[in-house]
């Protein structure tokens, strides 16, 4: 009797362990399937663009060529480099994005500190308007912005973009102010009070106490503001004249305008150049290659700041 009970108990224990292993296996398989599906959706277009960029133009219209091109060619890369005016455009885009990043970090951190630690009449109403700017589509303020900066003669330089960053009107500035406000509110009030007792004023307290304890927020805002400005088309196209400044984003959206001229400059026959400019598949491939070249510096930089970027995101609590 006792032996039978022991045998039954062992069987039940084995059955439970087996069920747990099966459940863990199927759970892991489902997670792997979901991750693989998401990676495929994200990476497939990128791989397709890379393969098309190094393919011979004749392979694009060949139905027998799917993944591996029959002949490797750098023609699309050459065309995209010339159309983007890559060297000059890369330098100008870097200067603009770096300047916007620096100004945005300074202004939004000060605003976030004010909303988190300073108390004055109407602060909640002002913060409501800050949050409201996150929800307002930029198209609704496009015409007033253009009229203001065009009237001041500031639509041919970086000045207009820098003014937006200084005044807290840059890309996603409201979100950055919200991030700083939440981080500063999490800093113990005792640290601030101790600084005030030591004779520190508002700005000195911000510099001596808040800055060292909010490094993750500064990294997050700096990286996001740089990347979003680098990829921005709307404000850059609205406030900067492409004829006066070479910006990668502006050159990319106007890539079909000077296609025939660039092809002839590179030695392509006029008839063939006109044929390429009328072929949407070839024009689209050149544009996609230009987009890859535009993103290439960001991808290279991400390899070096990946750990810092992930840690800053985790500490500030940004998701989605």
C-alpha atoms as a PDB file:
ATOM      1  CA  UNK A   1       0.000   0.000   0.000  1.00  0.00           C
ATOM      2  CA  UNK A   2       2.722   2.434   1.011  1.00  0.00           C
ATOM      3  CA  UNK A   3       4.814   1.461  -2.041  1.00  0.00           C
ATOM      4  CA  UNK A   4       1.823   2.149  -4.299  1.00  0.00           C
ATOM      5  CA  UNK A   5       1.327   5.595  -2.755  1.00  0.00           C
ATOM      6  CA  UNK A   6       5.024   6.409  -3.238  1.00  0.00           C
ATOM      7  CA  UNK A   7       4.828   5.232  -6.837  1.00  0.00           C
ATOM      8  CA  UNK A   8       1.749   7.386  -7.440  1.00  0.00           C
ATOM      9  CA  UNK A   9       3.451  10.418  -5.887  1.00  0.00           C
ATOM     10  CA  UNK A  10       6.508   9.932  -8.088  1.00  0.00           C
ATOM     11  CA  UNK A  11       4.327   9.678 -11.189  1.00  0.00           C
ATOM     12  CA  UNK A  12       2.494  12.897 -10.278  1.00  0.00           C
ATOM     13  CA  UNK A  13       5.802  14.685  -9.666  1.00  0.00           C
ATOM     14  CA  UNK A  14       7.146  13.466 -13.004  1.00  0.00           C
ATOM     15  CA  UNK A  15       3.926  14.578 -14.737  1.00  0.00           C
ATOM     16  CA  UNK A  16       4.169  18.059 -13.215  1.00  0.00           C
ATOM     17  CA  UNK A  17       7.815  18.443 -14.214  1.00  0.00           C
ATOM     18  CA  UNK A  18       6.965  17.277 -17.716  1.00  0.00           C
ATOM     19  CA  UNK A  19       4.073  19.724 -17.949  1.00  0.00           C
ATOM     20  CA  UNK A  20       6.299  22.558 -16.730  1.00  0.00           C
ATOM     21  CA  UNK A  21       8.951  21.704 -19.316  1.00  0.00           C
ATOM     22  CA  UNK A  22       6.352  21.581 -22.074  1.00  0.00           C
ATOM     23  CA  UNK A  23       4.856  24.906 -20.954  1.00  0.00           C
ATOM     24  CA  UNK A  24       8.293  26.543 -20.820  1.00  0.00           C
ATOM     25  CA  UNK A  25       9.150  25.135 -24.248  1.00  0.00           C
ATOM     26  CA  UNK A  26       5.989  26.487 -25.881  1.00  0.00           C
ATOM     27  CA  UNK A  27       6.350  29.841 -24.098  1.00  0.00           C
ATOM     28  CA  UNK A  28       9.941  30.144 -25.315  1.00  0.00           C
ATOM     29  CA  UNK A  29       8.917  29.090 -28.825  1.00  0.00           C
ATOM     30  CA  UNK A  30       6.164  31.729 -28.905  1.00  0.00           C
ATOM     31  CA  UNK A  31       8.554  34.439 -27.696  1.00  0.00           C
ATOM     32  CA  UNK A  32      11.139  33.401 -30.279  1.00  0.00           C
ATOM     33  CA  UNK A  33       8.497  33.418 -33.005  1.00  0.00           C
ATOM     34  CA  UNK A  34       7.287  36.893 -32.060  1.00  0.00           C
ATOM     35  CA  UNK A  35      10.829  38.281 -31.837  1.00  0.00           C
ATOM     36  CA  UNK A  36      11.753  36.674 -35.164  1.00  0.00           C
ATOM     37  CA  UNK A  37       8.618  38.103 -36.784  1.00  0.00           C
ATOM     38  CA  UNK A  38       9.317  41.603 -35.491  1.00  0.00           C
ATOM     39  CA  UNK A  39      12.971  41.416 -36.559  1.00  0.00           C
ATOM     40  CA  UNK A  40      11.932  40.191 -39.997  1.00  0.00           C
ATOM     41  CA  UNK A  41       9.460  43.042 -40.447  1.00  0.00           C
ATOM     42  CA  UNK A  42      12.067  45.623 -39.401  1.00  0.00           C
ATOM     43  CA  UNK A  43      15.186  44.176 -41.035  1.00  0.00           C
ATOM     44  CA  UNK A  44      13.771  42.787 -44.293  1.00  0.00           C
ATOM     45  CA  UNK A  45      13.308  46.200 -45.962  1.00  0.00           C
ATOM     46  CA  UNK A  46      16.793  47.261 -44.853  1.00  0.00           C
ATOM     47  CA  UNK A  47      18.411  44.116 -46.279  1.00  0.00           C
ATOM     48  CA  UNK A  48      16.434  44.580 -49.474  1.00  0.00           C
ATOM     49  CA  UNK A  49      17.646  48.187 -49.777  1.00  0.00           C
ATOM     50  CA  UNK A  50      21.277  47.167 -49.169  1.00  0.00           C
ATOM     51  CA  UNK A  51      21.124  44.414 -51.793  1.00  0.00           C
ATOM     52  CA  UNK A  52      19.495  46.763 -54.320  1.00  0.00           C
ATOM     53  CA  UNK A  53      22.154  49.408 -53.632  1.00  0.00           C
ATOM     54  CA  UNK A  54      24.994  47.066 -54.621  1.00  0.00           C
ATOM     55  CA  UNK A  55      23.169  45.447 -57.541  1.00  0.00           C
ATOM     56  CA  UNK A  56      23.622  46.140 -61.213  1.00  0.00           C
ATOM     57  CA  UNK A  57      20.697  48.175 -62.639  1.00  0.00           C
ATOM     58  CA  UNK A  58      19.892  45.341 -65.051  1.00  0.00           C
ATOM     59  CA  UNK A  59      19.337  42.917 -62.153  1.00  0.00           C
ATOM     60  CA  UNK A  60      16.529  45.011 -60.666  1.00  0.00           C
ATOM     61  CA  UNK A  61      14.198  44.323 -63.590  1.00  0.00           C
ATOM     62  CA  UNK A  62      15.254  40.672 -63.917  1.00  0.00           C
ATOM     63  CA  UNK A  63      12.567  38.425 -62.370  1.00  0.00           C
ATOM     64  CA  UNK A  64      15.133  35.630 -61.920  1.00  0.00           C
ATOM     65  CA  UNK A  65      17.170  37.752 -59.505  1.00  0.00           C
ATOM     66  CA  UNK A  66      15.587  37.780 -56.044  1.00  0.00           C
ATOM     67  CA  UNK A  67      18.258  38.093 -53.349  1.00  0.00           C
ATOM     68  CA  UNK A  68      21.730  37.533 -54.728  1.00  0.00           C
ATOM     69  CA  UNK A  69      22.566  39.881 -57.628  1.00  0.00           C
ATOM     70  CA  UNK A  70      24.299  38.371 -60.638  1.00  0.00           C
ATOM     71  CA  UNK A  71      26.662  41.309 -60.879  1.00  0.00           C
ATOM     72  CA  UNK A  72      27.779  43.630 -58.109  1.00  0.00           C
ATOM     73  CA  UNK A  73      27.864  47.333 -58.917  1.00  0.00           C
ATOM     74  CA  UNK A  74      28.419  50.579 -57.030  1.00  0.00           C
ATOM     75  CA  UNK A  75      26.569  52.696 -59.594  1.00  0.00           C
ATOM     76  CA  UNK A  76      23.604  53.424 -57.322  1.00  0.00           C
ATOM     77  CA  UNK A  77      25.937  54.453 -54.508  1.00  0.00           C
ATOM     78  CA  UNK A  78      27.864  56.760 -56.882  1.00  0.00           C
ATOM     79  CA  UNK A  79      24.628  58.309 -58.113  1.00  0.00           C
ATOM     80  CA  UNK A  80      23.318  58.818 -54.560  1.00  0.00           C
ATOM     81  CA  UNK A  81      26.595  60.343 -53.324  1.00  0.00           C
ATOM     82  CA  UNK A  82      26.578  62.901 -56.135  1.00  0.00           C
ATOM     83  CA  UNK A  83      22.875  63.697 -55.831  1.00  0.00           C
ATOM     84  CA  UNK A  84      23.129  64.198 -52.066  1.00  0.00           C
ATOM     85  CA  UNK A  85      26.329  66.247 -52.384  1.00  0.00           C
ATOM     86  CA  UNK A  86      27.264  63.872 -49.619  1.00  0.00           C
ATOM     87  CA  UNK A  87      30.420  65.392 -48.140  1.00  0.00           C
ATOM     88  CA  UNK A  88      29.066  68.934 -47.877  1.00  0.00           C
ATOM     89  CA  UNK A  89      25.602  67.753 -46.851  1.00  0.00           C
ATOM     90  CA  UNK A  90      27.015  65.472 -44.161  1.00  0.00           C
ATOM     91  CA  UNK A  91      29.059  68.296 -42.641  1.00  0.00           C
ATOM     92  CA  UNK A  92      26.179  70.782 -42.665  1.00  0.00           C
ATOM     93  CA  UNK A  93      23.728  68.251 -41.245  1.00  0.00           C
ATOM     94  CA  UNK A  94      26.170  67.338 -38.467  1.00  0.00           C
ATOM     95  CA  UNK A  95      26.740  71.002 -37.533  1.00  0.00           C
ATOM     96  CA  UNK A  96      23.016  71.727 -37.496  1.00  0.00           C
ATOM     97  CA  UNK A  97      22.114  68.622 -35.470  1.00  0.00           C
ATOM     98  CA  UNK A  98      24.941  69.161 -32.982  1.00  0.00           C
ATOM     99  CA  UNK A  99      23.974  72.802 -32.433  1.00  0.00           C
ATOM    100  CA  UNK A 100      20.309  71.921 -31.976  1.00  0.00           C
ATOM    101  CA  UNK A 101      21.243  69.134 -29.566  1.00  0.00           C
ATOM    102  CA  UNK A 102      23.340  71.443 -27.362  1.00  0.00           C
ATOM    103  CA  UNK A 103      20.753  74.226 -27.288  1.00  0.00           C
ATOM    104  CA  UNK A 104      17.869  71.825 -26.689  1.00  0.00           C
ATOM    105  CA  UNK A 105      19.586  70.141 -23.742  1.00  0.00           C
ATOM    106  CA  UNK A 106      20.294  73.509 -22.093  1.00  0.00           C
ATOM    107  CA  UNK A 107      16.858  75.070 -22.550  1.00  0.00           C
ATOM    108  CA  UNK A 108      14.715  72.013 -21.828  1.00  0.00           C
ATOM    109  CA  UNK A 109      16.755  71.063 -18.733  1.00  0.00           C
ATOM    110  CA  UNK A 110      16.338  74.559 -17.291  1.00  0.00           C
ATOM    111  CA  UNK A 111      12.614  74.506 -18.049  1.00  0.00           C
ATOM    112  CA  UNK A 112      12.253  71.025 -16.550  1.00  0.00           C
ATOM    113  CA  UNK A 113      14.080  72.137 -13.405  1.00  0.00           C
ATOM    114  CA  UNK A 114      11.811  75.154 -13.074  1.00  0.00           C
ATOM    115  CA  UNK A 115       8.657  73.037 -13.378  1.00  0.00           C
ATOM    116  CA  UNK A 116       9.988  70.437 -10.945  1.00  0.00           C
ATOM    117  CA  UNK A 117      11.489  72.536  -8.159  1.00  0.00           C
ATOM    118  CA  UNK A 118      10.300  76.139  -8.421  1.00  0.00           C
ATOM    119  CA  UNK A 119       6.887  77.222  -7.225  1.00  0.00           C
ATOM    120  CA  UNK A 120       5.162  80.212  -8.793  1.00  0.00           C
ATOM    121  CA  UNK A 121       1.652  81.241  -9.730  1.00  0.00           C
ATOM    122  CA  UNK A 122       0.329  79.614 -12.890  1.00  0.00           C
ATOM    123  CA  UNK A 123       2.971  76.873 -13.028  1.00  0.00           C
ATOM    124  CA  UNK A 124       0.424  74.110 -13.595  1.00  0.00           C
ATOM    125  CA  UNK A 125      -1.222  76.045 -16.419  1.00  0.00           C
ATOM    126  CA  UNK A 126       2.145  76.648 -18.087  1.00  0.00           C
ATOM    127  CA  UNK A 127       3.041  72.988 -17.782  1.00  0.00           C
ATOM    128  CA  UNK A 128      -0.302  72.092 -19.351  1.00  0.00           C
ATOM    129  CA  UNK A 129       0.624  74.183 -22.384  1.00  0.00           C
ATOM    130  CA  UNK A 130       4.012  72.455 -22.518  1.00  0.00           C
ATOM    131  CA  UNK A 131       2.306  69.062 -22.645  1.00  0.00           C
ATOM    132  CA  UNK A 132      -0.151  70.448 -25.180  1.00  0.00           C
ATOM    133  CA  UNK A 133       2.715  71.225 -27.574  1.00  0.00           C
ATOM    134  CA  UNK A 134       3.445  67.482 -27.736  1.00  0.00           C
ATOM    135  CA  UNK A 135      -0.061  66.850 -29.052  1.00  0.00           C
ATOM    136  CA  UNK A 136      -0.274  69.728 -31.532  1.00  0.00           C
ATOM    137  CA  UNK A 137       0.706  68.669 -35.082  1.00  0.00           C
ATOM    138  CA  UNK A 138       3.583  70.823 -36.391  1.00  0.00           C
ATOM    139  CA  UNK A 139       1.588  71.533 -39.559  1.00  0.00           C
ATOM    140  CA  UNK A 140      -0.772  73.759 -37.575  1.00  0.00           C
ATOM    141  CA  UNK A 141       2.005  76.257 -36.793  1.00  0.00           C
ATOM    142  CA  UNK A 142       3.917  75.922 -40.060  1.00  0.00           C
ATOM    143  CA  UNK A 143       2.569  79.042 -41.743  1.00  0.00           C
ATOM    144  CA  UNK A 144       3.039  81.425 -38.778  1.00  0.00           C
ATOM    145  CA  UNK A 145       6.588  80.138 -38.246  1.00  0.00           C
ATOM    146  CA  UNK A 146       7.503  80.598 -41.877  1.00  0.00           C
ATOM    147  CA  UNK A 147       6.025  84.088 -42.010  1.00  0.00           C
ATOM    148  CA  UNK A 148       7.927  85.158 -38.881  1.00  0.00           C
ATOM    149  CA  UNK A 149      11.330  83.849 -39.936  1.00  0.00           C
ATOM    150  CA  UNK A 150      10.917  84.820 -43.563  1.00  0.00           C
ATOM    151  CA  UNK A 151      10.000  88.357 -42.512  1.00  0.00           C
ATOM    152  CA  UNK A 152      13.199  88.505 -40.469  1.00  0.00           C
ATOM    153  CA  UNK A 153      15.259  87.132 -43.347  1.00  0.00           C
ATOM    154  CA  UNK A 154      16.342  84.028 -41.419  1.00  0.00           C
ATOM    155  CA  UNK A 155      15.230  81.278 -43.813  1.00  0.00           C
ATOM    156  CA  UNK A 156      18.601  80.789 -45.524  1.00  0.00           C
ATOM    157  CA  UNK A 157      20.741  79.847 -42.512  1.00  0.00           C
ATOM    158  CA  UNK A 158      20.703  77.613 -39.455  1.00  0.00           C
ATOM    159  CA  UNK A 159      19.619  80.580 -37.336  1.00  0.00           C
ATOM    160  CA  UNK A 160      15.907  79.837 -37.555  1.00  0.00           C
ATOM    161  CA  UNK A 161      16.401  76.222 -36.441  1.00  0.00           C
ATOM    162  CA  UNK A 162      18.682  77.331 -33.599  1.00  0.00           C
ATOM    163  CA  UNK A 163      16.140  79.955 -32.455  1.00  0.00           C
ATOM    164  CA  UNK A 164      13.484  77.240 -32.202  1.00  0.00           C
ATOM    165  CA  UNK A 165      15.831  75.193 -30.015  1.00  0.00           C
ATOM    166  CA  UNK A 166      16.723  78.163 -27.797  1.00  0.00           C
ATOM    167  CA  UNK A 167      13.073  79.077 -27.215  1.00  0.00           C
ATOM    168  CA  UNK A 168      11.997  75.508 -26.445  1.00  0.00           C
ATOM    169  CA  UNK A 169      10.080  75.170 -29.710  1.00  0.00           C
ATOM    170  CA  UNK A 170      12.310  72.532 -31.279  1.00  0.00           C
ATOM    171  CA  UNK A 171      11.361  69.008 -32.259  1.00  0.00           C
ATOM    172  CA  UNK A 172       9.698  67.233 -29.299  1.00  0.00           C
ATOM    173  CA  UNK A 173      10.899  69.936 -26.889  1.00  0.00           C
ATOM    174  CA  UNK A 174       7.763  69.462 -24.784  1.00  0.00           C
ATOM    175  CA  UNK A 175       8.608  65.784 -24.334  1.00  0.00           C
ATOM    176  CA  UNK A 176      12.161  66.649 -23.276  1.00  0.00           C
ATOM    177  CA  UNK A 177      10.892  69.158 -20.709  1.00  0.00           C
ATOM    178  CA  UNK A 178       8.568  66.493 -19.339  1.00  0.00           C
ATOM    179  CA  UNK A 179      11.472  64.007 -19.045  1.00  0.00           C
ATOM    180  CA  UNK A 180      13.639  66.491 -17.156  1.00  0.00           C
ATOM    181  CA  UNK A 181      10.744  67.469 -14.897  1.00  0.00           C
ATOM    182  CA  UNK A 182      10.114  63.850 -13.912  1.00  0.00           C
ATOM    183  CA  UNK A 183      13.801  63.153 -13.285  1.00  0.00           C
ATOM    184  CA  UNK A 184      14.323  66.314 -11.229  1.00  0.00           C
ATOM    185  CA  UNK A 185      11.219  65.594  -9.166  1.00  0.00           C
ATOM    186  CA  UNK A 186      12.727  62.242  -8.237  1.00  0.00           C
ATOM    187  CA  UNK A 187      15.838  63.872  -6.759  1.00  0.00           C
ATOM    188  CA  UNK A 188      15.513  64.148  -2.952  1.00  0.00           C
ATOM    189  CA  UNK A 189      14.550  67.597  -1.774  1.00  0.00           C
ATOM    190  CA  UNK A 190      17.101  67.380   1.031  1.00  0.00           C
ATOM    191  CA  UNK A 191      19.937  67.732  -1.479  1.00  0.00           C
ATOM    192  CA  UNK A 192      18.473  70.965  -2.759  1.00  0.00           C
ATOM    193  CA  UNK A 193      17.877  72.293   0.737  1.00  0.00           C
ATOM    194  CA  UNK A 194      21.456  71.461   1.726  1.00  0.00           C
ATOM    195  CA  UNK A 195      22.753  73.379  -1.293  1.00  0.00           C
ATOM    196  CA  UNK A 196      20.599  76.387  -0.409  1.00  0.00           C
ATOM    197  CA  UNK A 197      21.884  76.314   3.180  1.00  0.00           C
ATOM    198  CA  UNK A 198      25.427  76.354   1.787  1.00  0.00           C
ATOM    199  CA  UNK A 199      24.598  79.604   0.008  1.00  0.00           C
ATOM    200  CA  UNK A 200      23.807  78.309  -3.482  1.00  0.00           C
ATOM    201  CA  UNK A 201      21.270  80.154  -5.571  1.00  0.00           C
ATOM    202  CA  UNK A 202      18.883  78.668  -8.101  1.00  0.00           C
ATOM    203  CA  UNK A 203      21.371  78.338 -10.971  1.00  0.00           C
ATOM    204  CA  UNK A 204      24.205  77.157  -8.740  1.00  0.00           C
ATOM    205  CA  UNK A 205      21.938  74.539  -7.198  1.00  0.00           C
ATOM    206  CA  UNK A 206      20.975  73.420 -10.689  1.00  0.00           C
ATOM    207  CA  UNK A 207      24.619  73.180 -11.736  1.00  0.00           C
ATOM    208  CA  UNK A 208      26.046  71.672  -8.542  1.00  0.00           C
ATOM    209  CA  UNK A 209      23.227  69.341  -7.472  1.00  0.00           C
ATOM    210  CA  UNK A 210      20.789  68.657 -10.295  1.00  0.00           C
ATOM    211  CA  UNK A 211      23.202  68.123 -13.163  1.00  0.00           C
ATOM    212  CA  UNK A 212      25.292  65.363 -11.528  1.00  0.00           C
ATOM    213  CA  UNK A 213      22.135  63.476 -10.492  1.00  0.00           C
ATOM    214  CA  UNK A 214      20.342  63.659 -13.846  1.00  0.00           C
ATOM    215  CA  UNK A 215      23.002  62.338 -16.194  1.00  0.00           C
ATOM    216  CA  UNK A 216      20.696  59.708 -17.697  1.00  0.00           C
ATOM    217  CA  UNK A 217      18.128  62.342 -18.672  1.00  0.00           C
ATOM    218  CA  UNK A 218      20.791  64.495 -20.319  1.00  0.00           C
ATOM    219  CA  UNK A 219      22.096  61.558 -22.344  1.00  0.00           C
ATOM    220  CA  UNK A 220      18.583  60.561 -23.419  1.00  0.00           C
ATOM    221  CA  UNK A 221      17.582  64.064 -24.490  1.00  0.00           C
ATOM    222  CA  UNK A 222      20.907  64.681 -26.246  1.00  0.00           C
ATOM    223  CA  UNK A 223      20.699  61.480 -28.284  1.00  0.00           C
ATOM    224  CA  UNK A 224      17.047  61.861 -29.203  1.00  0.00           C
ATOM    225  CA  UNK A 225      17.326  65.528 -30.145  1.00  0.00           C
ATOM    226  CA  UNK A 226      20.374  64.836 -32.339  1.00  0.00           C
ATOM    227  CA  UNK A 227      18.769  61.899 -34.154  1.00  0.00           C
ATOM    228  CA  UNK A 228      15.396  63.582 -34.641  1.00  0.00           C
ATOM    229  CA  UNK A 229      16.997  66.736 -35.986  1.00  0.00           C
ATOM    230  CA  UNK A 230      19.243  64.675 -38.272  1.00  0.00           C
ATOM    231  CA  UNK A 231      16.211  62.953 -39.799  1.00  0.00           C
ATOM    232  CA  UNK A 232      13.889  65.958 -39.735  1.00  0.00           C
ATOM    233  CA  UNK A 233      12.389  67.047 -43.023  1.00  0.00           C
ATOM    234  CA  UNK A 234       9.411  69.183 -42.031  1.00  0.00           C
ATOM    235  CA  UNK A 235      11.030  72.039 -40.095  1.00  0.00           C
ATOM    236  CA  UNK A 236      14.244  71.883 -42.107  1.00  0.00           C
ATOM    237  CA  UNK A 237      12.386  72.146 -45.396  1.00  0.00           C
ATOM    238  CA  UNK A 238      10.135  74.869 -44.018  1.00  0.00           C
ATOM    239  CA  UNK A 239      12.835  77.137 -42.609  1.00  0.00           C
ATOM    240  CA  UNK A 240      15.985  76.425 -44.631  1.00  0.00           C
ATOM    241  CA  UNK A 241      16.460  77.076 -48.330  1.00  0.00           C
ATOM    242  CA  UNK A 242      17.986  74.085 -50.103  1.00  0.00           C
ATOM    243  CA  UNK A 243      19.630  76.401 -52.626  1.00  0.00           C
ATOM    244  CA  UNK A 244      21.758  78.008 -49.921  1.00  0.00           C
ATOM    245  CA  UNK A 245      22.598  75.056 -47.664  1.00  0.00           C
ATOM    246  CA  UNK A 246      23.248  71.420 -48.457  1.00  0.00           C
ATOM    247  CA  UNK A 247      21.289  69.348 -45.946  1.00  0.00           C
ATOM    248  CA  UNK A 248      21.049  65.600 -46.450  1.00  0.00           C
ATOM    249  CA  UNK A 249      17.326  65.407 -45.688  1.00  0.00           C
ATOM    250  CA  UNK A 250      16.515  68.208 -48.141  1.00  0.00           C
ATOM    251  CA  UNK A 251      18.761  66.801 -50.851  1.00  0.00           C
ATOM    252  CA  UNK A 252      17.144  63.400 -50.389  1.00  0.00           C
ATOM    253  CA  UNK A 253      13.581  64.585 -50.977  1.00  0.00           C
ATOM    254  CA  UNK A 254      14.751  66.528 -54.061  1.00  0.00           C
ATOM    255  CA  UNK A 255      16.816  63.650 -55.413  1.00  0.00           C
ATOM    256  CA  UNK A 256      14.873  63.285 -58.671  1.00  0.00           C
ATOM    257  CA  UNK A 257      15.192  66.980 -59.592  1.00  0.00           C
ATOM    258  CA  UNK A 258      18.806  66.950 -60.725  1.00  0.00           C
ATOM    259  CA  UNK A 259      19.018  63.267 -61.644  1.00  0.00           C
ATOM    260  CA  UNK A 260      19.595  63.719 -65.387  1.00  0.00           C
ATOM    261  CA  UNK A 261      22.287  66.357 -64.842  1.00  0.00           C
ATOM    262  CA  UNK A 262      24.176  64.223 -62.296  1.00  0.00           C
ATOM    263  CA  UNK A 263      23.997  61.130 -64.498  1.00  0.00           C
ATOM    264  CA  UNK A 264      25.427  63.051 -67.438  1.00  0.00           C
ATOM    265  CA  UNK A 265      28.099  64.486 -65.164  1.00  0.00           C
ATOM    266  CA  UNK A 266      29.102  60.929 -64.238  1.00  0.00           C
ATOM    267  CA  UNK A 267      29.446  59.988 -67.881  1.00  0.00           C
ATOM    268  CA  UNK A 268      26.054  58.382 -68.538  1.00  0.00           C
ATOM    269  CA  UNK A 269      24.681  58.857 -72.066  1.00  0.00           C
ATOM    270  CA  UNK A 270      21.886  61.440 -72.286  1.00  0.00           C
ATOM    271  CA  UNK A 271      19.337  58.997 -73.698  1.00  0.00           C
ATOM    272  CA  UNK A 272      20.152  56.451 -70.982  1.00  0.00           C
ATOM    273  CA  UNK A 273      20.039  59.162 -68.300  1.00  0.00           C
ATOM    274  CA  UNK A 274      16.572  60.231 -69.446  1.00  0.00           C
ATOM    275  CA  UNK A 275      15.465  56.599 -69.454  1.00  0.00           C
ATOM    276  CA  UNK A 276      16.697  56.108 -65.879  1.00  0.00           C
ATOM    277  CA  UNK A 277      14.947  59.295 -64.720  1.00  0.00           C
ATOM    278  CA  UNK A 278      11.658  58.001 -66.139  1.00  0.00           C
ATOM    279  CA  UNK A 279      11.993  54.573 -64.514  1.00  0.00           C
ATOM    280  CA  UNK A 280      10.365  54.702 -61.056  1.00  0.00           C
ATOM    281  CA  UNK A 281      12.142  51.489 -59.983  1.00  0.00           C
ATOM    282  CA  UNK A 282      15.602  52.928 -60.669  1.00  0.00           C
ATOM    283  CA  UNK A 283      14.743  56.338 -59.215  1.00  0.00           C
ATOM    284  CA  UNK A 284      13.333  54.683 -56.090  1.00  0.00           C
ATOM    285  CA  UNK A 285      16.458  52.550 -55.707  1.00  0.00           C
ATOM    286  CA  UNK A 286      18.676  55.633 -55.956  1.00  0.00           C
ATOM    287  CA  UNK A 287      16.516  57.373 -53.343  1.00  0.00           C
ATOM    288  CA  UNK A 288      16.666  54.324 -51.032  1.00  0.00           C
ATOM    289  CA  UNK A 289      20.437  54.192 -51.437  1.00  0.00           C
ATOM    290  CA  UNK A 290      20.577  57.879 -50.501  1.00  0.00           C
ATOM    291  CA  UNK A 291      18.501  57.136 -47.394  1.00  0.00           C
ATOM    292  CA  UNK A 292      20.950  54.387 -46.405  1.00  0.00           C
ATOM    293  CA  UNK A 293      23.887  56.770 -46.833  1.00  0.00           C
ATOM    294  CA  UNK A 294      22.065  59.329 -44.710  1.00  0.00           C
ATOM    295  CA  UNK A 295      21.484  56.797 -41.922  1.00  0.00           C
ATOM    296  CA  UNK A 296      24.965  55.284 -42.123  1.00  0.00           C
ATOM    297  CA  UNK A 297      26.643  57.809 -39.738  1.00  0.00           C
ATOM    298  CA  UNK A 298      23.885  57.238 -37.164  1.00  0.00           C
ATOM    299  CA  UNK A 299      24.280  53.467 -37.371  1.00  0.00           C
ATOM    300  CA  UNK A 300      28.042  53.724 -36.948  1.00  0.00           C
ATOM    301  CA  UNK A 301      27.657  56.106 -34.004  1.00  0.00           C
ATOM    302  CA  UNK A 302      25.080  53.806 -32.399  1.00  0.00           C
ATOM    303  CA  UNK A 303      27.643  50.995 -32.271  1.00  0.00           C
ATOM    304  CA  UNK A 304      29.750  53.141 -29.929  1.00  0.00           C
ATOM    305  CA  UNK A 305      26.974  54.605 -27.757  1.00  0.00           C
ATOM    306  CA  UNK A 306      24.647  51.592 -27.653  1.00  0.00           C
ATOM    307  CA  UNK A 307      25.303  50.731 -24.010  1.00  0.00           C
ATOM    308  CA  UNK A 308      25.027  54.358 -22.911  1.00  0.00           C
ATOM    309  CA  UNK A 309      21.834  54.802 -24.912  1.00  0.00           C
ATOM    310  CA  UNK A 310      20.116  51.715 -23.481  1.00  0.00           C
ATOM    311  CA  UNK A 311      21.091  52.599 -19.905  1.00  0.00           C
ATOM    312  CA  UNK A 312      19.795  56.151 -20.267  1.00  0.00           C
ATOM    313  CA  UNK A 313      16.463  54.892 -21.634  1.00  0.00           C
ATOM    314  CA  UNK A 314      16.083  52.455 -18.732  1.00  0.00           C
ATOM    315  CA  UNK A 315      16.851  55.063 -16.086  1.00  0.00           C
ATOM    316  CA  UNK A 316      14.487  57.678 -17.458  1.00  0.00           C
ATOM    317  CA  UNK A 317      11.700  55.140 -17.888  1.00  0.00           C
ATOM    318  CA  UNK A 318      10.898  55.858 -21.551  1.00  0.00           C
ATOM    319  CA  UNK A 319       9.004  53.069 -23.261  1.00  0.00           C
ATOM    320  CA  UNK A 320       7.467  52.619 -26.703  1.00  0.00           C
END
